[in-house]
PDB file of N, CA and C in Angstrom:
ATOM      1  N   MET A   1     -16.478  16.543 -17.665  1.00  0.00           N
ATOM      2  CA  MET A   1     -16.392  15.296 -16.939  1.00  0.00           C
ATOM      3  C   MET A   1     -14.990  15.171 -16.345  1.00  0.00           C
ATOM      4  N   SER A   2     -14.909  15.012 -15.048  1.00  0.00           N
ATOM      5  CA  SER A   2     -13.606  14.894 -14.403  1.00  0.00           C
ATOM      6  C   SER A   2     -13.261  13.422 -14.197  1.00  0.00           C
ATOM      7  N   THR A   3     -11.991  13.136 -14.279  1.00  0.00           N
ATOM      8  CA  THR A   3     -11.529  11.775 -14.035  1.00  0.00           C
ATOM      9  C   THR A   3     -10.847  11.738 -12.678  1.00  0.00           C
ATOM     10  N   SER A   4     -10.943  10.618 -12.006  1.00  0.00           N
ATOM     11  CA  SER A   4     -10.313  10.506 -10.697  1.00  0.00           C
ATOM     12  C   SER A   4      -8.900   9.946 -10.860  1.00  0.00           C
ATOM     13  N   LEU A   5      -8.009  10.469 -10.072  1.00  0.00           N
ATOM     14  CA  LEU A   5      -6.622  10.035 -10.076  1.00  0.00           C
ATOM     15  C   LEU A   5      -6.441   8.996  -8.988  1.00  0.00           C
ATOM     16  N   GLU A   6      -5.788   7.898  -9.309  1.00  0.00           N
ATOM     17  CA  GLU A   6      -5.564   6.826  -8.348  1.00  0.00           C
ATOM     18  C   GLU A   6      -4.076   6.686  -8.049  1.00  0.00           C
ATOM     19  N   VAL A   7      -3.774   6.042  -6.939  1.00  0.00           N
ATOM     20  CA  VAL A   7      -2.385   5.786  -6.566  1.00  0.00           C
ATOM     21  C   VAL A   7      -1.682   5.025  -7.691  1.00  0.00           C
ATOM     22  N   ALA A   8      -2.371   4.073  -8.300  1.00  0.00           N
ATOM     23  CA  ALA A   8      -1.787   3.290  -9.390  1.00  0.00           C
ATOM     24  C   ALA A   8      -1.374   4.191 -10.556  1.00  0.00           C
ATOM     25  N   ASP A   9      -2.173   5.215 -10.862  1.00  0.00           N
ATOM     26  CA  ASP A   9      -1.834   6.151 -11.939  1.00  0.00           C
ATOM     27  C   ASP A   9      -0.527   6.880 -11.634  1.00  0.00           C
ATOM     28  N   ILE A  10      -0.375   7.290 -10.391  1.00  0.00           N
ATOM     29  CA  ILE A  10       0.835   7.994  -9.976  1.00  0.00           C
ATOM     30  C   ILE A  10       2.032   7.055 -10.040  1.00  0.00           C
ATOM     31  N   PHE A  11       1.861   5.838  -9.545  1.00  0.00           N
ATOM     32  CA  PHE A  11       2.955   4.864  -9.592  1.00  0.00           C
ATOM     33  C   PHE A  11       3.351   4.549 -11.030  1.00  0.00           C
ATOM     34  N   ARG A  12       2.363   4.415 -11.916  1.00  0.00           N
ATOM     35  CA  ARG A  12       2.686   4.094 -13.310  1.00  0.00           C
ATOM     36  C   ARG A  12       3.409   5.240 -13.997  1.00  0.00           C
ATOM     37  N   SER A  13       3.020   6.482 -13.688  1.00  0.00           N
ATOM     38  CA  SER A  13       3.653   7.609 -14.385  1.00  0.00           C
ATOM     39  C   SER A  13       4.976   8.035 -13.749  1.00  0.00           C
ATOM     40  N   ALA A  14       5.042   8.081 -12.436  1.00  0.00           N
ATOM     41  CA  ALA A  14       6.240   8.572 -11.764  1.00  0.00           C
ATOM     42  C   ALA A  14       7.080   7.461 -11.136  1.00  0.00           C
ATOM     43  N   GLY A  15       6.550   6.261 -11.055  1.00  0.00           N
ATOM     44  CA  GLY A  15       7.241   5.164 -10.391  1.00  0.00           C
ATOM     45  C   GLY A  15       8.606   4.814 -10.967  1.00  0.00           C
ATOM     46  N   PRO A  16       8.731   4.663 -12.289  1.00  0.00           N
ATOM     47  CA  PRO A  16      10.047   4.304 -12.834  1.00  0.00           C
ATOM     48  C   PRO A  16      11.138   5.317 -12.478  1.00  0.00           C
ATOM     49  N   ALA A  17      10.838   6.602 -12.591  1.00  0.00           N
ATOM     50  CA  ALA A  17      11.830   7.626 -12.242  1.00  0.00           C
ATOM     51  C   ALA A  17      12.116   7.612 -10.742  1.00  0.00           C
ATOM     52  N   TYR A  18      11.075   7.430  -9.933  1.00  0.00           N
ATOM     53  CA  TYR A  18      11.257   7.380  -8.480  1.00  0.00           C
ATOM     54  C   TYR A  18      12.143   6.202  -8.085  1.00  0.00           C
ATOM     55  N   ARG A  19      11.872   5.036  -8.681  1.00  0.00           N
ATOM     56  CA  ARG A  19      12.674   3.858  -8.378  1.00  0.00           C
ATOM     57  C   ARG A  19      14.123   4.048  -8.806  1.00  0.00           C
ATOM     58  N   ALA A  20      14.344   4.715  -9.929  1.00  0.00           N
ATOM     59  CA  ALA A  20      15.708   4.946 -10.406  1.00  0.00           C
ATOM     60  C   ALA A  20      16.480   5.851  -9.445  1.00  0.00           C
ATOM     61  N   VAL A  21      15.835   6.887  -8.945  1.00  0.00           N
ATOM     62  CA  VAL A  21      16.493   7.827  -8.033  1.00  0.00           C
ATOM     63  C   VAL A  21      16.720   7.206  -6.663  1.00  0.00           C
ATOM     64  N   HIS A  22      15.778   6.382  -6.199  1.00  0.00           N
ATOM     65  CA  HIS A  22      15.834   5.829  -4.841  1.00  0.00           C
ATOM     66  C   HIS A  22      16.189   4.343  -4.814  1.00  0.00           C
ATOM     67  N   THR A  23      16.856   3.867  -5.828  1.00  0.00           N
ATOM     68  CA  THR A  23      17.105   2.435  -5.974  1.00  0.00           C
ATOM     69  C   THR A  23      17.787   1.805  -4.762  1.00  0.00           C
ATOM     70  N   ARG A  24      18.671   2.530  -4.094  1.00  0.00           N
ATOM     71  CA  ARG A  24      19.379   1.952  -2.941  1.00  0.00           C
ATOM     72  C   ARG A  24      18.567   2.035  -1.654  1.00  0.00           C
ATOM     73  N   HIS A  25      17.446   2.742  -1.676  1.00  0.00           N
ATOM     74  CA  HIS A  25      16.692   2.958  -0.442  1.00  0.00           C
ATOM     75  C   HIS A  25      15.317   2.299  -0.449  1.00  0.00           C
ATOM     76  N   LEU A  26      15.035   1.530  -1.480  1.00  0.00           N
ATOM     77  CA  LEU A  26      13.754   0.818  -1.538  1.00  0.00           C
ATOM     78  C   LEU A  26      14.011  -0.668  -1.326  1.00  0.00           C
ATOM     79  N   SER A  27      13.275  -1.247  -0.408  1.00  0.00           N
ATOM     80  CA  SER A  27      13.421  -2.681  -0.150  1.00  0.00           C
ATOM     81  C   SER A  27      12.704  -3.481  -1.234  1.00  0.00           C
ATOM     82  N   LEU A  28      13.019  -4.748  -1.306  1.00  0.00           N
ATOM     83  CA  LEU A  28      12.340  -5.626  -2.253  1.00  0.00           C
ATOM     84  C   LEU A  28      10.839  -5.641  -1.977  1.00  0.00           C
ATOM     85  N   HIS A  29      10.471  -5.633  -0.706  1.00  0.00           N
ATOM     86  CA  HIS A  29       9.052  -5.605  -0.330  1.00  0.00           C
ATOM     87  C   HIS A  29       8.368  -4.344  -0.869  1.00  0.00           C
ATOM     88  N   GLN A  30       9.007  -3.198  -0.724  1.00  0.00           N
ATOM     89  CA  GLN A  30       8.426  -1.949  -1.211  1.00  0.00           C
ATOM     90  C   GLN A  30       8.281  -1.973  -2.729  1.00  0.00           C
ATOM     91  N   LEU A  31       9.271  -2.515  -3.418  1.00  0.00           N
ATOM     92  CA  LEU A  31       9.196  -2.614  -4.876  1.00  0.00           C
ATOM     93  C   LEU A  31       8.058  -3.537  -5.301  1.00  0.00           C
ATOM     94  N   LYS A  32       7.859  -4.636  -4.566  1.00  0.00           N
ATOM     95  CA  LYS A  32       6.766  -5.559  -4.881  1.00  0.00           C
ATOM     96  C   LYS A  32       5.409  -4.905  -4.669  1.00  0.00           C
ATOM     97  N   VAL A  33       5.284  -4.105  -3.610  1.00  0.00           N
ATOM     98  CA  VAL A  33       4.018  -3.410  -3.348  1.00  0.00           C
ATOM     99  C   VAL A  33       3.725  -2.430  -4.482  1.00  0.00           C
ATOM    100  N   MET A  34       4.728  -1.662  -4.880  1.00  0.00           N
ATOM    101  CA  MET A  34       4.530  -0.711  -5.984  1.00  0.00           C
ATOM    102  C   MET A  34       4.100  -1.445  -7.251  1.00  0.00           C
ATOM    103  N   SER A  35       4.752  -2.550  -7.556  1.00  0.00           N
ATOM    104  CA  SER A  35       4.418  -3.312  -8.750  1.00  0.00           C
ATOM    105  C   SER A  35       3.001  -3.869  -8.676  1.00  0.00           C
ATOM    106  N   ALA A  36       2.623  -4.381  -7.512  1.00  0.00           N
ATOM    107  CA  ALA A  36       1.272  -4.929  -7.348  1.00  0.00           C
ATOM    108  C   ALA A  36       0.223  -3.850  -7.578  1.00  0.00           C
ATOM    109  N   ILE A  37       0.428  -2.671  -7.005  1.00  0.00           N
ATOM    110  CA  ILE A  37      -0.541  -1.583  -7.158  1.00  0.00           C
ATOM    111  C   ILE A  37      -0.601  -1.120  -8.606  1.00  0.00           C
ATOM    112  N   GLU A  38       0.554  -1.071  -9.276  1.00  0.00           N
ATOM    113  CA  GLU A  38       0.588  -0.645 -10.678  1.00  0.00           C
ATOM    114  C   GLU A  38      -0.179  -1.598 -11.593  1.00  0.00           C
ATOM    115  N   THR A  39      -0.128  -2.882 -11.301  1.00  0.00           N
ATOM    116  CA  THR A  39      -0.757  -3.869 -12.188  1.00  0.00           C
ATOM    117  C   THR A  39      -2.152  -4.294 -11.746  1.00  0.00           C
ATOM    118  N   CYS A  40      -2.598  -3.829 -10.592  1.00  0.00           N
ATOM    119  CA  CYS A  40      -3.889  -4.241 -10.061  1.00  0.00           C
ATOM    120  C   CYS A  40      -5.026  -3.893 -11.027  1.00  0.00           C
ATOM    121  N   ARG A  41      -5.849  -4.866 -11.269  1.00  0.00           N
ATOM    122  CA  ARG A  41      -7.022  -4.741 -12.139  1.00  0.00           C
ATOM    123  C   ARG A  41      -6.664  -4.224 -13.530  1.00  0.00           C
ATOM    124  N   THR A  42      -5.544  -4.774 -14.041  1.00  0.00           N
ATOM    125  CA  THR A  42      -5.147  -4.521 -15.421  1.00  0.00           C
ATOM    126  C   THR A  42      -4.978  -5.869 -16.111  1.00  0.00           C
ATOM    127  N   ALA A  43      -4.797  -5.834 -17.412  1.00  0.00           N
ATOM    128  CA  ALA A  43      -4.620  -7.071 -18.184  1.00  0.00           C
ATOM    129  C   ALA A  43      -3.374  -7.833 -17.736  1.00  0.00           C
ATOM    130  N   ALA A  44      -2.421  -7.146 -17.110  1.00  0.00           N
ATOM    131  CA  ALA A  44      -1.186  -7.798 -16.663  1.00  0.00           C
ATOM    132  C   ALA A  44      -1.456  -8.940 -15.690  1.00  0.00           C
ATOM    133  N   LEU A  45      -2.534  -8.852 -14.922  1.00  0.00           N
ATOM    134  CA  LEU A  45      -2.874  -9.899 -13.955  1.00  0.00           C
ATOM    135  C   LEU A  45      -3.937 -10.859 -14.481  1.00  0.00           C
ATOM    136  N   GLY A  46      -4.294 -10.691 -15.735  1.00  0.00           N
ATOM    137  CA  GLY A  46      -5.322 -11.554 -16.306  1.00  0.00           C
ATOM    138  C   GLY A  46      -6.713 -11.076 -15.935  1.00  0.00           C
ATOM    139  N   GLY A  47      -7.688 -11.774 -16.394  1.00  0.00           N
ATOM    140  CA  GLY A  47      -9.055 -11.369 -16.111  1.00  0.00           C
ATOM    141  C   GLY A  47     -10.029 -12.501 -16.352  1.00  0.00           C
ATOM    142  N   HIS A  48     -11.297 -12.155 -16.289  1.00  0.00           N
ATOM    143  CA  HIS A  48     -12.351 -13.131 -16.504  1.00  0.00           C
ATOM    144  C   HIS A  48     -13.568 -12.393 -17.051  1.00  0.00           C
ATOM    145  N   VAL A  49     -14.498 -13.146 -17.557  1.00  0.00           N
ATOM    146  CA  VAL A  49     -15.711 -12.555 -18.115  1.00  0.00           C
ATOM    147  C   VAL A  49     -16.838 -12.711 -17.105  1.00  0.00           C
ATOM    148  N   GLU A  50     -17.496 -11.608 -16.829  1.00  0.00           N
ATOM    149  CA  GLU A  50     -18.686 -11.635 -15.976  1.00  0.00           C
ATOM    150  C   GLU A  50     -19.893 -11.488 -16.889  1.00  0.00           C
ATOM    151  N   ALA A  51     -20.874 -12.362 -16.723  1.00  0.00           N
ATOM    152  CA  ALA A  51     -22.041 -12.343 -17.604  1.00  0.00           C
ATOM    153  C   ALA A  51     -23.326 -12.457 -16.793  1.00  0.00           C
ATOM    154  N   CYS A  52     -24.343 -11.753 -17.259  1.00  0.00           N
ATOM    155  CA  CYS A  52     -25.658 -11.807 -16.634  1.00  0.00           C
ATOM    156  C   CYS A  52     -26.481 -12.895 -17.334  1.00  0.00           C
ATOM    157  N   ASP A  53     -26.988 -13.831 -16.551  1.00  0.00           N
ATOM    158  CA  ASP A  53     -27.790 -14.916 -17.123  1.00  0.00           C
ATOM    159  C   ASP A  53     -29.143 -14.424 -17.623  1.00  0.00           C
ATOM    160  N   ASP A  54     -29.630 -13.304 -17.062  1.00  0.00           N
ATOM    161  CA  ASP A  54     -30.949 -12.808 -17.446  1.00  0.00           C
ATOM    162  C   ASP A  54     -30.921 -12.027 -18.758  1.00  0.00           C
ATOM    163  N   CYS A  55     -30.049 -11.009 -18.840  1.00  0.00           N
ATOM    164  CA  CYS A  55     -30.069 -10.136 -20.017  1.00  0.00           C
ATOM    165  C   CYS A  55     -28.968 -10.450 -21.021  1.00  0.00           C
ATOM    166  N   GLY A  56     -28.001 -11.252 -20.641  1.00  0.00           N
ATOM    167  CA  GLY A  56     -26.935 -11.607 -21.565  1.00  0.00           C
ATOM    168  C   GLY A  56     -25.790 -10.602 -21.613  1.00  0.00           C
ATOM    169  N   HIS A  57     -25.907  -9.516 -20.870  1.00  0.00           N
ATOM    170  CA  HIS A  57     -24.825  -8.517 -20.852  1.00  0.00           C
ATOM    171  C   HIS A  57     -23.574  -9.158 -20.250  1.00  0.00           C
ATOM    172  N   TRP A  58     -22.420  -8.828 -20.829  1.00  0.00           N
ATOM    173  CA  TRP A  58     -21.168  -9.342 -20.279  1.00  0.00           C
ATOM    174  C   TRP A  58     -20.117  -8.248 -20.304  1.00  0.00           C
ATOM    175  N   ARG A  59     -19.108  -8.436 -19.470  1.00  0.00           N
ATOM    176  CA  ARG A  59     -17.988  -7.498 -19.432  1.00  0.00           C
ATOM    177  C   ARG A  59     -16.745  -8.241 -18.958  1.00  0.00           C
ATOM    178  N   ILE A  60     -15.615  -7.683 -19.330  1.00  0.00           N
ATOM    179  CA  ILE A  60     -14.341  -8.240 -18.894  1.00  0.00           C
ATOM    180  C   ILE A  60     -13.965  -7.585 -17.572  1.00  0.00           C
ATOM    181  N   ALA A  61     -13.635  -8.386 -16.595  1.00  0.00           N
ATOM    182  CA  ALA A  61     -13.211  -7.883 -15.291  1.00  0.00           C
ATOM    183  C   ALA A  61     -11.776  -8.360 -15.053  1.00  0.00           C
ATOM    184  N   TYR A  62     -10.893  -7.408 -14.817  1.00  0.00           N
ATOM    185  CA  TYR A  62      -9.488  -7.770 -14.587  1.00  0.00           C
ATOM    186  C   TYR A  62      -9.281  -8.171 -13.133  1.00  0.00           C
ATOM    187  N   ASN A  63      -8.358  -9.075 -12.910  1.00  0.00           N
ATOM    188  CA  ASN A  63      -8.078  -9.596 -11.574  1.00  0.00           C
ATOM    189  C   ASN A  63      -7.349  -8.567 -10.714  1.00  0.00           C
ATOM    190  N   SER A  64      -7.565  -8.654  -9.424  1.00  0.00           N
ATOM    191  CA  SER A  64      -6.928  -7.730  -8.496  1.00  0.00           C
ATOM    192  C   SER A  64      -5.643  -8.339  -7.954  1.00  0.00           C
ATOM    193  N   CYS A  65      -4.787  -7.477  -7.398  1.00  0.00           N
ATOM    194  CA  CYS A  65      -3.504  -7.937  -6.868  1.00  0.00           C
ATOM    195  C   CYS A  65      -3.639  -8.552  -5.481  1.00  0.00           C
ATOM    196  N   ARG A  66      -4.672  -8.180  -4.747  1.00  0.00           N
ATOM    197  CA  ARG A  66      -4.948  -8.667  -3.392  1.00  0.00           C
ATOM    198  C   ARG A  66      -3.844  -8.311  -2.390  1.00  0.00           C
ATOM    199  N   ASN A  67      -3.048  -7.301  -2.724  1.00  0.00           N
ATOM    200  CA  ASN A  67      -1.993  -6.863  -1.813  1.00  0.00           C
ATOM    201  C   ASN A  67      -2.623  -6.039  -0.704  1.00  0.00           C
ATOM    202  N   ARG A  68      -2.185  -6.240   0.526  1.00  0.00           N
ATOM    203  CA  ARG A  68      -2.816  -5.564   1.661  1.00  0.00           C
ATOM    204  C   ARG A  68      -2.584  -4.060   1.652  1.00  0.00           C
ATOM    205  N   HIS A  69      -1.634  -3.576   0.860  1.00  0.00           N
ATOM    206  CA  HIS A  69      -1.360  -2.148   0.786  1.00  0.00           C
ATOM    207  C   HIS A  69      -2.114  -1.460  -0.358  1.00  0.00           C
ATOM    208  N   CYS A  70      -2.767  -2.224  -1.186  1.00  0.00           N
ATOM    209  CA  CYS A  70      -3.439  -1.674  -2.367  1.00  0.00           C
ATOM    210  C   CYS A  70      -4.755  -0.996  -1.975  1.00  0.00           C
ATOM    211  N   PRO A  71      -4.906   0.286  -2.311  1.00  0.00           N
ATOM    212  CA  PRO A  71      -6.153   0.966  -1.944  1.00  0.00           C
ATOM    213  C   PRO A  71      -7.383   0.416  -2.672  1.00  0.00           C
ATOM    214  N   LYS A  72      -7.209  -0.141  -3.869  1.00  0.00           N
ATOM    215  CA  LYS A  72      -8.349  -0.717  -4.588  1.00  0.00           C
ATOM    216  C   LYS A  72      -8.812  -2.005  -3.925  1.00  0.00           C
ATOM    217  N   CYS A  73      -7.857  -2.819  -3.529  1.00  0.00           N
ATOM    218  CA  CYS A  73      -8.188  -4.143  -2.986  1.00  0.00           C
ATOM    219  C   CYS A  73      -8.562  -4.114  -1.512  1.00  0.00           C
ATOM    220  N   GLN A  74      -7.862  -3.318  -0.747  1.00  0.00           N
ATOM    221  CA  GLN A  74      -7.996  -3.398   0.699  1.00  0.00           C
ATOM    222  C   GLN A  74      -8.563  -2.142   1.350  1.00  0.00           C
ATOM    223  N   GLY A  75      -9.048  -1.209   0.573  1.00  0.00           N
ATOM    224  CA  GLY A  75      -9.586   0.025   1.133  1.00  0.00           C
ATOM    225  C   GLY A  75     -10.717  -0.203   2.129  1.00  0.00           C
ATOM    226  N   ALA A  76     -11.692  -1.011   1.759  1.00  0.00           N
ATOM    227  CA  ALA A  76     -12.823  -1.275   2.660  1.00  0.00           C
ATOM    228  C   ALA A  76     -12.373  -2.038   3.896  1.00  0.00           C
ATOM    229  N   ALA A  77     -11.486  -3.008   3.700  1.00  0.00           N
ATOM    230  CA  ALA A  77     -10.977  -3.783   4.840  1.00  0.00           C
ATOM    231  C   ALA A  77     -10.191  -2.885   5.793  1.00  0.00           C
ATOM    232  N   ALA A  78      -9.433  -1.949   5.239  1.00  0.00           N
ATOM    233  CA  ALA A  78      -8.664  -1.026   6.078  1.00  0.00           C
ATOM    234  C   ALA A  78      -9.584  -0.132   6.903  1.00  0.00           C
ATOM    235  N   ARG A  79     -10.658   0.344   6.286  1.00  0.00           N
ATOM    236  CA  ARG A  79     -11.611   1.186   7.027  1.00  0.00           C
ATOM    237  C   ARG A  79     -12.283   0.402   8.152  1.00  0.00           C
ATOM    238  N   THR A  80     -12.633  -0.851   7.899  1.00  0.00           N
ATOM    239  CA  THR A  80     -13.226  -1.698   8.939  1.00  0.00           C
ATOM    240  C   THR A  80     -12.241  -1.919  10.069  1.00  0.00           C
ATOM    241  N   TRP A  81     -10.999  -2.217   9.723  1.00  0.00           N
ATOM    242  CA  TRP A  81      -9.956  -2.440  10.727  1.00  0.00           C
ATOM    243  C   TRP A  81      -9.772  -1.194  11.580  1.00  0.00           C
ATOM    244  N   LEU A  82      -9.734  -0.028  10.946  1.00  0.00           N
ATOM    245  CA  LEU A  82      -9.542   1.222  11.683  1.00  0.00           C
ATOM    246  C   LEU A  82     -10.697   1.469  12.651  1.00  0.00           C
ATOM    247  N   THR A  83     -11.916   1.214  12.227  1.00  0.00           N
ATOM    248  CA  THR A  83     -13.073   1.383  13.105  1.00  0.00           C
ATOM    249  C   THR A  83     -12.973   0.460  14.313  1.00  0.00           C
ATOM    250  N   GLU A  84     -12.557  -0.770  14.081  1.00  0.00           N
ATOM    251  CA  GLU A  84     -12.404  -1.719  15.187  1.00  0.00           C
ATOM    252  C   GLU A  84     -11.290  -1.291  16.140  1.00  0.00           C
ATOM    253  N   ARG A  85     -10.193  -0.763  15.611  1.00  0.00           N
ATOM    254  CA  ARG A  85      -9.089  -0.306  16.471  1.00  0.00           C
ATOM    255  C   ARG A  85      -9.489   0.938  17.263  1.00  0.00           C
ATOM    256  N   GLU A  86     -10.274   1.812  16.671  1.00  0.00           N
ATOM    257  CA  GLU A  86     -10.736   3.003  17.387  1.00  0.00           C
ATOM    258  C   GLU A  86     -11.588   2.624  18.591  1.00  0.00           C
ATOM    259  N   ALA A  87     -12.298   1.514  18.486  1.00  0.00           N
ATOM    260  CA  ALA A  87     -13.106   1.046  19.619  1.00  0.00           C
ATOM    261  C   ALA A  87     -12.222   0.593  20.777  1.00  0.00           C
ATOM    262  N   ASP A  88     -10.972   0.247  20.498  1.00  0.00           N
ATOM    263  CA  ASP A  88     -10.036  -0.200  21.534  1.00  0.00           C
ATOM    264  C   ASP A  88      -9.372   0.958  22.286  1.00  0.00           C
ATOM    265  N   LEU A  89      -9.477   2.163  21.760  1.00  0.00           N
ATOM    266  CA  LEU A  89      -8.789   3.302  22.367  1.00  0.00           C
ATOM    267  C   LEU A  89      -9.411   3.720  23.691  1.00  0.00           C
ATOM    268  N   LEU A  90      -8.585   4.149  24.583  1.00  0.00           N
ATOM    269  CA  LEU A  90      -9.056   4.683  25.860  1.00  0.00           C
ATOM    270  C   LEU A  90      -9.547   6.113  25.661  1.00  0.00           C
ATOM    271  N   PRO A  91     -10.477   6.574  26.482  1.00  0.00           N
ATOM    272  CA  PRO A  91     -11.012   7.934  26.328  1.00  0.00           C
ATOM    273  C   PRO A  91     -10.060   8.984  26.928  1.00  0.00           C
ATOM    274  N   VAL A  92      -8.846   9.017  26.427  1.00  0.00           N
ATOM    275  CA  VAL A  92      -7.835   9.982  26.876  1.00  0.00           C
ATOM    276  C   VAL A  92      -7.155  10.583  25.660  1.00  0.00           C
ATOM    277  N   GLY A  93      -6.426  11.677  25.884  1.00  0.00           N
ATOM    278  CA  GLY A  93      -5.689  12.296  24.795  1.00  0.00           C
ATOM    279  C   GLY A  93      -4.468  11.476  24.413  1.00  0.00           C
ATOM    280  N   TYR A  94      -4.178  11.417  23.144  1.00  0.00           N
ATOM    281  CA  TYR A  94      -3.000  10.715  22.640  1.00  0.00           C
ATOM    282  C   TYR A  94      -2.084  11.732  21.971  1.00  0.00           C
ATOM    283  N   PHE A  95      -0.794  11.466  21.990  1.00  0.00           N
ATOM    284  CA  PHE A  95       0.171  12.332  21.350  1.00  0.00           C
ATOM    285  C   PHE A  95       1.014  11.523  20.388  1.00  0.00           C
ATOM    286  N   HIS A  96       1.225  12.078  19.227  1.00  0.00           N
ATOM    287  CA  HIS A  96       2.073  11.451  18.209  1.00  0.00           C
ATOM    288  C   HIS A  96       3.441  12.123  18.323  1.00  0.00           C
ATOM    289  N   VAL A  97       4.466  11.347  18.627  1.00  0.00           N
ATOM    290  CA  VAL A  97       5.808  11.875  18.791  1.00  0.00           C
ATOM    291  C   VAL A  97       6.669  11.394  17.631  1.00  0.00           C
ATOM    292  N   VAL A  98       7.379  12.323  17.018  1.00  0.00           N
ATOM    293  CA  VAL A  98       8.263  12.001  15.902  1.00  0.00           C
ATOM    294  C   VAL A  98       9.667  12.464  16.258  1.00  0.00           C
ATOM    295  N   PHE A  99      10.646  11.632  15.988  1.00  0.00           N
ATOM    296  CA  PHE A  99      12.027  12.033  16.204  1.00  0.00           C
ATOM    297  C   PHE A  99      12.887  11.453  15.092  1.00  0.00           C
ATOM    298  N   THR A 100      14.045  12.033  14.898  1.00  0.00           N
ATOM    299  CA  THR A 100      14.959  11.608  13.846  1.00  0.00           C
ATOM    300  C   THR A 100      16.170  10.935  14.468  1.00  0.00           C
ATOM    301  N   LEU A 101      16.529   9.798  13.934  1.00  0.00           N
ATOM    302  CA  LEU A 101      17.725   9.106  14.399  1.00  0.00           C
ATOM    303  C   LEU A 101      18.958   9.729  13.752  1.00  0.00           C
ATOM    304  N   PRO A 102      20.090   9.701  14.428  1.00  0.00           N
ATOM    305  CA  PRO A 102      21.324  10.176  13.794  1.00  0.00           C
ATOM    306  C   PRO A 102      21.612   9.369  12.531  1.00  0.00           C
ATOM    307  N   ALA A 103      22.242   9.984  11.564  1.00  0.00           N
ATOM    308  CA  ALA A 103      22.500   9.342  10.269  1.00  0.00           C
ATOM    309  C   ALA A 103      23.246   8.021  10.424  1.00  0.00           C
ATOM    310  N   GLU A 104      24.142   7.953  11.383  1.00  0.00           N
ATOM    311  CA  GLU A 104      24.921   6.724  11.580  1.00  0.00           C
ATOM    312  C   GLU A 104      24.025   5.550  11.979  1.00  0.00           C
ATOM    313  N   ILE A 105      22.954   5.835  12.672  1.00  0.00           N
ATOM    314  CA  ILE A 105      22.031   4.781  13.106  1.00  0.00           C
ATOM    315  C   ILE A 105      20.933   4.560  12.066  1.00  0.00           C
ATOM    316  N   GLY A 106      20.645   5.590  11.290  1.00  0.00           N
ATOM    317  CA  GLY A 106      19.572   5.505  10.301  1.00  0.00           C
ATOM    318  C   GLY A 106      19.745   4.367   9.319  1.00  0.00           C
ATOM    319  N   GLU A 107      20.956   4.179   8.817  1.00  0.00           N
ATOM    320  CA  GLU A 107      21.210   3.102   7.857  1.00  0.00           C
ATOM    321  C   GLU A 107      21.031   1.737   8.520  1.00  0.00           C
ATOM    322  N   ILE A 108      21.467   1.599   9.758  1.00  0.00           N
ATOM    323  CA  ILE A 108      21.288   0.342  10.496  1.00  0.00           C
ATOM    324  C   ILE A 108      19.798   0.087  10.713  1.00  0.00           C
ATOM    325  N   ALA A 109      19.067   1.128  11.092  1.00  0.00           N
ATOM    326  CA  ALA A 109      17.623   0.996  11.341  1.00  0.00           C
ATOM    327  C   ALA A 109      16.874   0.607  10.070  1.00  0.00           C
ATOM    328  N   PHE A 110      17.295   1.169   8.932  1.00  0.00           N
ATOM    329  CA  PHE A 110      16.627   0.871   7.668  1.00  0.00           C
ATOM    330  C   PHE A 110      16.688  -0.617   7.347  1.00  0.00           C
ATOM    331  N   HIS A 111      17.812  -1.254   7.648  1.00  0.00           N
ATOM    332  CA  HIS A 111      17.992  -2.665   7.310  1.00  0.00           C
ATOM    333  C   HIS A 111      17.609  -3.610   8.446  1.00  0.00           C
ATOM    334  N   ASN A 112      17.317  -3.078   9.628  1.00  0.00           N
ATOM    335  CA  ASN A 112      16.959  -3.902  10.789  1.00  0.00           C
ATOM    336  C   ASN A 112      15.788  -3.269  11.531  1.00  0.00           C
ATOM    337  N   LYS A 113      14.721  -2.978  10.805  1.00  0.00           N
ATOM    338  CA  LYS A 113      13.598  -2.209  11.353  1.00  0.00           C
ATOM    339  C   LYS A 113      13.022  -2.815  12.636  1.00  0.00           C
ATOM    340  N   ALA A 114      12.692  -4.079  12.608  1.00  0.00           N
ATOM    341  CA  ALA A 114      12.035  -4.701  13.765  1.00  0.00           C
ATOM    342  C   ALA A 114      12.910  -4.616  15.010  1.00  0.00           C
ATOM    343  N   THR A 115      14.179  -4.908  14.873  1.00  0.00           N
ATOM    344  CA  THR A 115      15.084  -4.895  16.022  1.00  0.00           C
ATOM    345  C   THR A 115      15.251  -3.487  16.577  1.00  0.00           C
ATOM    346  N   VAL A 116      15.510  -2.532  15.694  1.00  0.00           N
ATOM    347  CA  VAL A 116      15.745  -1.152  16.142  1.00  0.00           C
ATOM    348  C   VAL A 116      14.473  -0.565  16.743  1.00  0.00           C
ATOM    349  N   TYR A 117      13.317  -0.768  16.107  1.00  0.00           N
ATOM    350  CA  TYR A 117      12.070  -0.225  16.661  1.00  0.00           C
ATOM    351  C   TYR A 117      11.759  -0.844  18.014  1.00  0.00           C
ATOM    352  N   ASP A 118      12.006  -2.130  18.158  1.00  0.00           N
ATOM    353  CA  ASP A 118      11.786  -2.786  19.437  1.00  0.00           C
ATOM    354  C   ASP A 118      12.667  -2.153  20.515  1.00  0.00           C
ATOM    355  N   LEU A 119      13.925  -1.904  20.197  1.00  0.00           N
ATOM    356  CA  LEU A 119      14.840  -1.257  21.154  1.00  0.00           C
ATOM    357  C   LEU A 119      14.347   0.148  21.528  1.00  0.00           C
ATOM    358  N   LEU A 120      13.883   0.895  20.533  1.00  0.00           N
ATOM    359  CA  LEU A 120      13.405   2.256  20.795  1.00  0.00           C
ATOM    360  C   LEU A 120      12.170   2.249  21.701  1.00  0.00           C
ATOM    361  N   PHE A 121      11.234   1.338  21.437  1.00  0.00           N
ATOM    362  CA  PHE A 121      10.033   1.288  22.263  1.00  0.00           C
ATOM    363  C   PHE A 121      10.353   0.837  23.691  1.00  0.00           C
ATOM    364  N   ARG A 122      11.341  -0.030  23.836  1.00  0.00           N
ATOM    365  CA  ARG A 122      11.740  -0.453  25.181  1.00  0.00           C
ATOM    366  C   ARG A 122      12.386   0.696  25.956  1.00  0.00           C
ATOM    367  N   ALA A 123      13.118   1.543  25.218  1.00  0.00           N
ATOM    368  CA  ALA A 123      13.789   2.682  25.872  1.00  0.00           C
ATOM    369  C   ALA A 123      12.744   3.680  26.340  1.00  0.00           C
TER     370      ALA A 123
END
């Protein structure tokens, strides 16, 4: 019997060491997302009892984090969103372009993402 590995499992096992090594490069938002995914559908977020009125069977169901980045919570919504966005695409070829900013600008961009990305797209 094989068990499936989830993002939360990876975050729980490797997350503390990753956060320690990258402490200066993770934003508060990124840390909150990692924490939400780690605790999603665990006792840490509380739970409730689901019961069948017909047969009397019951089970404990843990609450979800409802974070938009969580694959457990938002996986289906993300797939729906992607399908809707694909319908908006023009029937032409697209190219993904990647470039690296000089190190002197990289630190500024990290702390001012919206402003720097807006400038880059305008250029």
